[in-house]
Amino acid sequence: MKRALPMLAEIWLAAAAAAQRPPDAQLKAEAAERVEARRTFTQQMVDSIFSFAERGFQEFDTADYVTGLLEKEGFSG
């Protein structure tokens, strides 16, 4: 009985967590919406990176650009 009680509690907690989670279709729709909202930003970022035309493994301008973007988004090094 002592072993069954923690197992039952674990099953109950898993069921409760699953009941509170939004459906997969809703999560996929939200993810697609967030990606779509960043479409213009992503295209501008890609265009900027390709405009640097740096040699392989010497992407100093690209590294500075991406580092700046990440810092604006709250990342720190």
Protein backbone atom coordinates (compact mmCIF):
# COMPACT_ATOMS: atom_id res chain seq x y z
CA MET A 1 0.00 0.00 0.00
CA LYS A 2 2.86 2.40 0.79
CA ARG A 3 4.22 1.97 -2.73
CA ALA A 4 0.84 2.31 -4.39
CA LEU A 5 0.06 5.65 -2.78
CA PRO A 6 2.97 7.59 -4.35
CA MET A 7 2.26 5.92 -7.68
CA LEU A 8 -1.40 6.95 -7.53
CA ALA A 9 -0.40 10.49 -6.61
CA GLU A 10 1.97 10.62 -9.56
CA ILE A 11 -0.73 9.38 -11.94
CA TRP A 12 -3.19 11.92 -10.54
CA LEU A 13 -0.70 14.78 -10.98
CA ALA A 14 0.07 13.73 -14.56
CA ALA A 15 -3.64 13.60 -15.38
CA ALA A 16 -4.22 17.02 -13.83
CA ALA A 17 -1.32 18.52 -15.79
CA ALA A 18 -2.60 17.00 -19.05
CA ALA A 19 -6.08 18.40 -18.41
CA GLN A 20 -4.69 21.94 -18.03
CA ARG A 21 -2.50 21.82 -21.16
CA PRO A 22 -3.99 23.43 -24.28
CA PRO A 23 -4.75 21.09 -27.21
CA ASP A 24 -1.93 20.42 -29.68
CA ALA A 25 -3.80 22.16 -32.50
CA GLN A 26 -4.01 25.32 -30.42
CA LEU A 27 -0.29 25.17 -29.59
CA LYS A 28 0.60 24.66 -33.27
CA ALA A 29 -1.60 27.57 -34.32
CA GLU A 30 0.00 29.83 -31.73
CA ALA A 31 3.50 28.81 -32.82
CA ALA A 32 2.65 29.45 -36.49
CA GLU A 33 1.24 32.85 -35.58
CA ARG A 34 4.40 33.83 -33.70
CA VAL A 35 6.62 32.70 -36.58
CA GLU A 36 4.49 34.63 -39.08
CA ALA A 37 4.69 37.76 -36.92
CA ARG A 38 8.50 37.71 -37.27
CA ARG A 39 8.52 37.15 -41.05
CA THR A 40 9.66 40.66 -42.03
CA PHE A 41 12.28 40.81 -39.26
CA THR A 42 13.68 37.44 -40.29
CA GLN A 43 13.92 38.43 -43.94
CA GLN A 44 15.69 41.67 -43.05
CA MET A 45 18.11 39.76 -40.83
CA VAL A 46 18.91 37.26 -43.60
CA ASP A 47 19.40 40.06 -46.14
CA SER A 48 21.75 41.89 -43.77
CA ILE A 49 23.85 38.81 -43.07
CA PHE A 50 24.23 37.99 -46.77
CA SER A 51 25.14 41.61 -47.53
CA PHE A 52 28.30 41.33 -45.42
CA ALA A 53 29.88 38.90 -47.95
CA GLU A 54 32.57 37.68 -45.57
CA ARG A 55 34.87 34.75 -46.23
CA GLY A 56 34.14 31.45 -44.54
CA PHE A 57 35.11 31.23 -40.88
CA GLN A 58 35.91 34.98 -40.86
CA GLU A 59 32.42 36.33 -40.23
CA PHE A 60 33.37 39.22 -37.96
CA ASP A 61 30.65 41.62 -39.17
CA THR A 62 28.07 38.84 -39.04
CA ALA A 63 29.09 37.92 -35.50
CA ASP A 64 28.82 41.56 -34.38
CA TYR A 65 25.42 41.90 -36.05
CA VAL A 66 23.96 38.72 -34.55
CA THR A 67 25.44 39.52 -31.13
CA GLY A 68 23.75 42.92 -31.24
CA LEU A 69 20.41 41.34 -32.14
CA LEU A 70 20.69 38.84 -29.30
CA GLU A 71 21.57 41.56 -26.80
CA LYS A 72 18.50 43.55 -27.89
CA GLU A 73 16.40 40.45 -27.17
CA GLY A 74 17.79 40.23 -23.64
CA PHE A 75 20.63 37.74 -24.03
CA SER A 76 23.96 38.53 -22.41
CA GLY A 77 27.38 37.01 -22.62
